[in-house]
């Protein structure tokens, strides 16, 4: 079983710090650490690379600098980490609070007043009664035989007591009706 992880990792405390990272090929990267993971992969921003130049023509201790920007480093290639500087200071002023009222944006139609108000025009009319053909269709038959509209609509039967069988079914303990 792996050892228990520490609650406050040293790496968490280094987020946003400016770090110098030494790689296994002797390059050094200096940048601000944004993130890391369990493999010690790092995300650095505003990164610069420093390399020692080798060769007979190069003076001793010559170093080449290159700006890289945003870098994702594989943890396997990291040899050491050291802190170069603290996190940058933010000069941002706090945003002034707004009116503190959350309201829906709506979709072009006025919102209903709290506590009721008038219904939107699309819902203002009564629903069409069941079993009757729409106006202009006198030849259409009504509802099929035995059809009952849902409770609350014109022509619906009164609601039964709780636990009663649905309409058309016999009560509990009675034999089913013979087909007609």
C-alpha atoms as a PDB file:
ATOM      1  CA  UNK A   1       0.000   0.000   0.000  1.00  0.00           C
ATOM      2  CA  UNK A   2       1.445   3.430  -0.906  1.00  0.00           C
ATOM      3  CA  UNK A   3       2.285   5.832   1.897  1.00  0.00           C
ATOM      4  CA  UNK A   4      -0.421   8.381   2.759  1.00  0.00           C
ATOM      5  CA  UNK A   5      -0.170  11.692   0.903  1.00  0.00           C
ATOM      6  CA  UNK A   6       0.562  14.869   2.812  1.00  0.00           C
ATOM      7  CA  UNK A   7      -2.331  17.297   3.067  1.00  0.00           C
ATOM      8  CA  UNK A   8      -0.244  20.365   2.202  1.00  0.00           C
ATOM      9  CA  UNK A   9       2.247  19.461  -0.445  1.00  0.00           C
ATOM     10  CA  UNK A  10       5.336  21.604  -0.915  1.00  0.00           C
ATOM     11  CA  UNK A  11       4.467  21.830  -4.617  1.00  0.00           C
ATOM     12  CA  UNK A  12       1.088  23.450  -3.894  1.00  0.00           C
ATOM     13  CA  UNK A  13       2.850  26.230  -2.004  1.00  0.00           C
ATOM     14  CA  UNK A  14       5.036  26.923  -5.096  1.00  0.00           C
ATOM     15  CA  UNK A  15       2.149  27.630  -7.482  1.00  0.00           C
ATOM     16  CA  UNK A  16       2.574  31.069  -9.129  1.00  0.00           C
ATOM     17  CA  UNK A  17       6.178  31.321  -7.883  1.00  0.00           C
ATOM     18  CA  UNK A  18       8.980  31.972 -10.353  1.00  0.00           C
ATOM     19  CA  UNK A  19      11.050  28.756 -10.513  1.00  0.00           C
ATOM     20  CA  UNK A  20      14.354  27.657 -12.012  1.00  0.00           C
ATOM     21  CA  UNK A  21      14.028  24.101 -13.327  1.00  0.00           C
ATOM     22  CA  UNK A  22      17.131  22.101 -14.249  1.00  0.00           C
ATOM     23  CA  UNK A  23      16.577  19.394 -16.874  1.00  0.00           C
ATOM     24  CA  UNK A  24      18.504  16.152 -17.368  1.00  0.00           C
ATOM     25  CA  UNK A  25      20.208  17.573 -20.503  1.00  0.00           C
ATOM     26  CA  UNK A  26      21.681  20.448 -18.376  1.00  0.00           C
ATOM     27  CA  UNK A  27      19.299  23.121 -19.728  1.00  0.00           C
ATOM     28  CA  UNK A  28      17.691  25.441 -17.231  1.00  0.00           C
ATOM     29  CA  UNK A  29      14.225  26.919 -17.595  1.00  0.00           C
ATOM     30  CA  UNK A  30      13.014  29.904 -15.588  1.00  0.00           C
ATOM     31  CA  UNK A  31       9.269  30.542 -15.498  1.00  0.00           C
ATOM     32  CA  UNK A  32       6.185  30.991 -13.366  1.00  0.00           C
ATOM     33  CA  UNK A  33       4.637  27.664 -12.323  1.00  0.00           C
ATOM     34  CA  UNK A  34       0.904  27.445 -13.054  1.00  0.00           C
ATOM     35  CA  UNK A  35       0.219  23.753 -12.411  1.00  0.00           C
ATOM     36  CA  UNK A  36       1.660  20.317 -11.683  1.00  0.00           C
ATOM     37  CA  UNK A  37       0.393  16.759 -11.429  1.00  0.00           C
ATOM     38  CA  UNK A  38       1.241  13.469  -9.724  1.00  0.00           C
ATOM     39  CA  UNK A  39       3.997  12.742 -12.279  1.00  0.00           C
ATOM     40  CA  UNK A  40       5.640  16.121 -11.506  1.00  0.00           C
ATOM     41  CA  UNK A  41       4.766  17.388 -14.981  1.00  0.00           C
ATOM     42  CA  UNK A  42       4.886  21.189 -14.802  1.00  0.00           C
ATOM     43  CA  UNK A  43       3.171  24.016 -16.639  1.00  0.00           C
ATOM     44  CA  UNK A  44       5.350  27.127 -16.783  1.00  0.00           C
ATOM     45  CA  UNK A  45       4.428  30.509 -18.238  1.00  0.00           C
ATOM     46  CA  UNK A  46       6.724  33.386 -19.369  1.00  0.00           C
ATOM     47  CA  UNK A  47       9.505  30.820 -19.607  1.00  0.00           C
ATOM     48  CA  UNK A  48      13.076  31.474 -20.668  1.00  0.00           C
ATOM     49  CA  UNK A  49      15.623  28.783 -21.518  1.00  0.00           C
ATOM     50  CA  UNK A  50      19.304  29.067 -20.581  1.00  0.00           C
ATOM     51  CA  UNK A  51      21.932  26.768 -22.161  1.00  0.00           C
ATOM     52  CA  UNK A  52      25.665  26.563 -21.556  1.00  0.00           C
ATOM     53  CA  UNK A  53      27.527  26.711 -24.859  1.00  0.00           C
ATOM     54  CA  UNK A  54      30.305  24.207 -25.445  1.00  0.00           C
ATOM     55  CA  UNK A  55      33.016  24.337 -28.054  1.00  0.00           C
ATOM     56  CA  UNK A  56      36.523  25.599 -28.737  1.00  0.00           C
ATOM     57  CA  UNK A  57      35.298  28.911 -30.205  1.00  0.00           C
ATOM     58  CA  UNK A  58      33.014  29.716 -27.256  1.00  0.00           C
ATOM     59  CA  UNK A  59      34.426  31.579 -24.245  1.00  0.00           C
ATOM     60  CA  UNK A  60      34.293  29.772 -20.903  1.00  0.00           C
ATOM     61  CA  UNK A  61      30.890  30.154 -19.194  1.00  0.00           C
ATOM     62  CA  UNK A  62      29.076  31.456 -22.304  1.00  0.00           C
ATOM     63  CA  UNK A  63      25.339  31.103 -22.002  1.00  0.00           C
ATOM     64  CA  UNK A  64      22.566  31.312 -24.600  1.00  0.00           C
ATOM     65  CA  UNK A  65      19.152  32.682 -23.610  1.00  0.00           C
ATOM     66  CA  UNK A  66      15.928  31.928 -25.501  1.00  0.00           C
ATOM     67  CA  UNK A  67      12.351  33.017 -24.730  1.00  0.00           C
ATOM     68  CA  UNK A  68       9.857  30.127 -24.881  1.00  0.00           C
ATOM     69  CA  UNK A  69       6.616  31.428 -23.312  1.00  0.00           C
ATOM     70  CA  UNK A  70       4.136  28.719 -22.229  1.00  0.00           C
ATOM     71  CA  UNK A  71       5.841  25.363 -21.590  1.00  0.00           C
ATOM     72  CA  UNK A  72       4.630  21.944 -20.447  1.00  0.00           C
ATOM     73  CA  UNK A  73       7.506  19.943 -18.961  1.00  0.00           C
ATOM     74  CA  UNK A  74       7.523  16.188 -18.567  1.00  0.00           C
ATOM     75  CA  UNK A  75       8.314  15.345 -14.957  1.00  0.00           C
ATOM     76  CA  UNK A  76      10.666  12.548 -15.998  1.00  0.00           C
ATOM     77  CA  UNK A  77      13.154  15.083 -17.415  1.00  0.00           C
ATOM     78  CA  UNK A  78      13.266  17.349 -14.324  1.00  0.00           C
ATOM     79  CA  UNK A  79      16.391  17.076 -12.166  1.00  0.00           C
ATOM     80  CA  UNK A  80      15.878  19.953  -9.715  1.00  0.00           C
ATOM     81  CA  UNK A  81      13.639  22.895  -8.823  1.00  0.00           C
ATOM     82  CA  UNK A  82      14.614  26.096  -7.065  1.00  0.00           C
ATOM     83  CA  UNK A  83      12.682  29.259  -6.291  1.00  0.00           C
ATOM     84  CA  UNK A  84      13.779  32.332  -8.284  1.00  0.00           C
ATOM     85  CA  UNK A  85      11.219  34.789  -6.979  1.00  0.00           C
ATOM     86  CA  UNK A  86       7.828  35.207  -5.284  1.00  0.00           C
ATOM     87  CA  UNK A  87       4.498  35.342  -7.121  1.00  0.00           C
ATOM     88  CA  UNK A  88       3.885  38.612  -8.979  1.00  0.00           C
ATOM     89  CA  UNK A  89       1.986  41.317  -7.110  1.00  0.00           C
ATOM     90  CA  UNK A  90      -1.488  42.030  -8.475  1.00  0.00           C
ATOM     91  CA  UNK A  91      -2.411  45.701  -8.855  1.00  0.00           C
ATOM     92  CA  UNK A  92      -6.004  44.942  -9.802  1.00  0.00           C
ATOM     93  CA  UNK A  93      -8.647  46.846  -7.909  1.00  0.00           C
ATOM     94  CA  UNK A  94     -11.644  44.959  -6.637  1.00  0.00           C
ATOM     95  CA  UNK A  95     -14.732  45.076  -8.808  1.00  0.00           C
ATOM     96  CA  UNK A  96     -17.442  47.233  -7.284  1.00  0.00           C
ATOM     97  CA  UNK A  97     -20.510  45.207  -6.325  1.00  0.00           C
ATOM     98  CA  UNK A  98     -23.575  45.528  -8.521  1.00  0.00           C
ATOM     99  CA  UNK A  99     -27.170  46.158  -7.510  1.00  0.00           C
ATOM    100  CA  UNK A 100     -27.473  42.662  -6.045  1.00  0.00           C
ATOM    101  CA  UNK A 101     -30.616  41.748  -7.953  1.00  0.00           C
ATOM    102  CA  UNK A 102     -30.645  38.548  -9.963  1.00  0.00           C
ATOM    103  CA  UNK A 103     -33.219  38.656 -12.738  1.00  0.00           C
ATOM    104  CA  UNK A 104     -33.815  36.421 -15.743  1.00  0.00           C
ATOM    105  CA  UNK A 105     -32.938  37.904 -19.100  1.00  0.00           C
ATOM    106  CA  UNK A 106     -36.178  36.826 -20.786  1.00  0.00           C
ATOM    107  CA  UNK A 107     -36.658  36.072 -24.455  1.00  0.00           C
ATOM    108  CA  UNK A 108     -38.360  39.174 -25.799  1.00  0.00           C
ATOM    109  CA  UNK A 109     -41.617  38.920 -23.902  1.00  0.00           C
ATOM    110  CA  UNK A 110     -42.380  40.682 -20.670  1.00  0.00           C
ATOM    111  CA  UNK A 111     -41.897  38.769 -17.457  1.00  0.00           C
ATOM    112  CA  UNK A 112     -44.838  38.005 -15.181  1.00  0.00           C
ATOM    113  CA  UNK A 113     -45.204  40.096 -12.066  1.00  0.00           C
ATOM    114  CA  UNK A 114     -44.347  38.297  -8.812  1.00  0.00           C
ATOM    115  CA  UNK A 115     -47.342  36.592  -7.234  1.00  0.00           C
ATOM    116  CA  UNK A 116     -49.314  35.975 -10.412  1.00  0.00           C
ATOM    117  CA  UNK A 117     -50.222  38.566 -12.986  1.00  0.00           C
ATOM    118  CA  UNK A 118     -51.623  38.049 -16.428  1.00  0.00           C
ATOM    119  CA  UNK A 119     -50.837  34.887 -18.349  1.00  0.00           C
ATOM    120  CA  UNK A 120     -48.817  35.209 -21.550  1.00  0.00           C
ATOM    121  CA  UNK A 121     -51.065  35.575 -24.626  1.00  0.00           C
ATOM    122  CA  UNK A 122     -50.371  32.037 -25.841  1.00  0.00           C
ATOM    123  CA  UNK A 123     -51.884  30.547 -22.667  1.00  0.00           C
ATOM    124  CA  UNK A 124     -54.724  33.003 -22.115  1.00  0.00           C
ATOM    125  CA  UNK A 125     -57.413  30.983 -24.000  1.00  0.00           C
ATOM    126  CA  UNK A 126     -59.233  27.969 -22.535  1.00  0.00           C
ATOM    127  CA  UNK A 127     -58.130  24.588 -23.834  1.00  0.00           C
ATOM    128  CA  UNK A 128     -60.238  23.050 -26.580  1.00  0.00           C
ATOM    129  CA  UNK A 129     -62.847  20.647 -25.159  1.00  0.00           C
ATOM    130  CA  UNK A 130     -62.194  16.983 -25.752  1.00  0.00           C
ATOM    131  CA  UNK A 131     -64.565  14.961 -27.864  1.00  0.00           C
ATOM    132  CA  UNK A 132     -65.662  17.858 -30.034  1.00  0.00           C
ATOM    133  CA  UNK A 133     -64.270  18.556 -33.481  1.00  0.00           C
ATOM    134  CA  UNK A 134     -62.426  21.807 -33.971  1.00  0.00           C
ATOM    135  CA  UNK A 135     -64.381  24.645 -35.530  1.00  0.00           C
ATOM    136  CA  UNK A 136     -64.668  24.303 -39.288  1.00  0.00           C
ATOM    137  CA  UNK A 137     -64.604  20.461 -39.231  1.00  0.00           C
ATOM    138  CA  UNK A 138     -68.270  19.509 -38.762  1.00  0.00           C
ATOM    139  CA  UNK A 139     -67.897  16.099 -40.434  1.00  0.00           C
ATOM    140  CA  UNK A 140     -65.193  14.821 -38.066  1.00  0.00           C
ATOM    141  CA  UNK A 141     -66.392  12.402 -35.412  1.00  0.00           C
ATOM    142  CA  UNK A 142     -65.741  13.109 -31.750  1.00  0.00           C
ATOM    143  CA  UNK A 143     -63.671  11.023 -29.400  1.00  0.00           C
ATOM    144  CA  UNK A 144     -63.696   7.218 -29.759  1.00  0.00           C
ATOM    145  CA  UNK A 145     -66.333   5.350 -27.731  1.00  0.00           C
ATOM    146  CA  UNK A 146     -65.349   4.913 -24.095  1.00  0.00           C
ATOM    147  CA  UNK A 147     -62.796   7.722 -24.252  1.00  0.00           C
ATOM    148  CA  UNK A 148     -62.836  10.028 -21.290  1.00  0.00           C
ATOM    149  CA  UNK A 149     -60.926  13.292 -21.094  1.00  0.00           C
ATOM    150  CA  UNK A 150     -58.370  13.763 -18.324  1.00  0.00           C
ATOM    151  CA  UNK A 151     -59.584  15.025 -14.950  1.00  0.00           C
ATOM    152  CA  UNK A 152     -60.145  18.765 -14.829  1.00  0.00           C
ATOM    153  CA  UNK A 153     -61.313  19.104 -18.445  1.00  0.00           C
ATOM    154  CA  UNK A 154     -64.928  19.597 -19.530  1.00  0.00           C
ATOM    155  CA  UNK A 155     -66.819  16.301 -19.575  1.00  0.00           C
ATOM    156  CA  UNK A 156     -64.360  14.535 -17.261  1.00  0.00           C
ATOM    157  CA  UNK A 157     -65.757  12.341 -14.507  1.00  0.00           C
ATOM    158  CA  UNK A 158     -65.284  13.527 -10.916  1.00  0.00           C
ATOM    159  CA  UNK A 159     -62.065  12.265  -9.343  1.00  0.00           C
ATOM    160  CA  UNK A 160     -62.447   8.987  -7.422  1.00  0.00           C
ATOM    161  CA  UNK A 161     -61.247   8.357  -3.924  1.00  0.00           C
ATOM    162  CA  UNK A 162     -57.566   7.360  -3.491  1.00  0.00           C
ATOM    163  CA  UNK A 163     -56.892   3.707  -4.155  1.00  0.00           C
ATOM    164  CA  UNK A 164     -59.904   3.225  -6.438  1.00  0.00           C
ATOM    165  CA  UNK A 165     -59.342   1.234  -9.618  1.00  0.00           C
ATOM    166  CA  UNK A 166     -59.135   3.168 -12.884  1.00  0.00           C
ATOM    167  CA  UNK A 167     -62.400   3.712 -14.777  1.00  0.00           C
ATOM    168  CA  UNK A 168     -63.571   0.599 -16.602  1.00  0.00           C
ATOM    169  CA  UNK A 169     -61.892  -1.862 -14.191  1.00  0.00           C
ATOM    170  CA  UNK A 170     -63.841  -3.746 -11.521  1.00  0.00           C
ATOM    171  CA  UNK A 171     -63.137  -3.059  -7.838  1.00  0.00           C
ATOM    172  CA  UNK A 172     -60.819  -5.447  -5.974  1.00  0.00           C
ATOM    173  CA  UNK A 173     -62.462  -8.805  -5.164  1.00  0.00           C
ATOM    174  CA  UNK A 174     -65.000  -8.695  -8.019  1.00  0.00           C
ATOM    175  CA  UNK A 175     -64.717 -10.929 -11.065  1.00  0.00           C
ATOM    176  CA  UNK A 176     -63.949  -9.187 -14.350  1.00  0.00           C
ATOM    177  CA  UNK A 177     -66.888  -8.228 -16.557  1.00  0.00           C
ATOM    178  CA  UNK A 178     -67.666 -10.467 -19.498  1.00  0.00           C
ATOM    179  CA  UNK A 179     -66.814  -8.904 -22.878  1.00  0.00           C
ATOM    180  CA  UNK A 180     -69.725  -7.151 -24.545  1.00  0.00           C
END
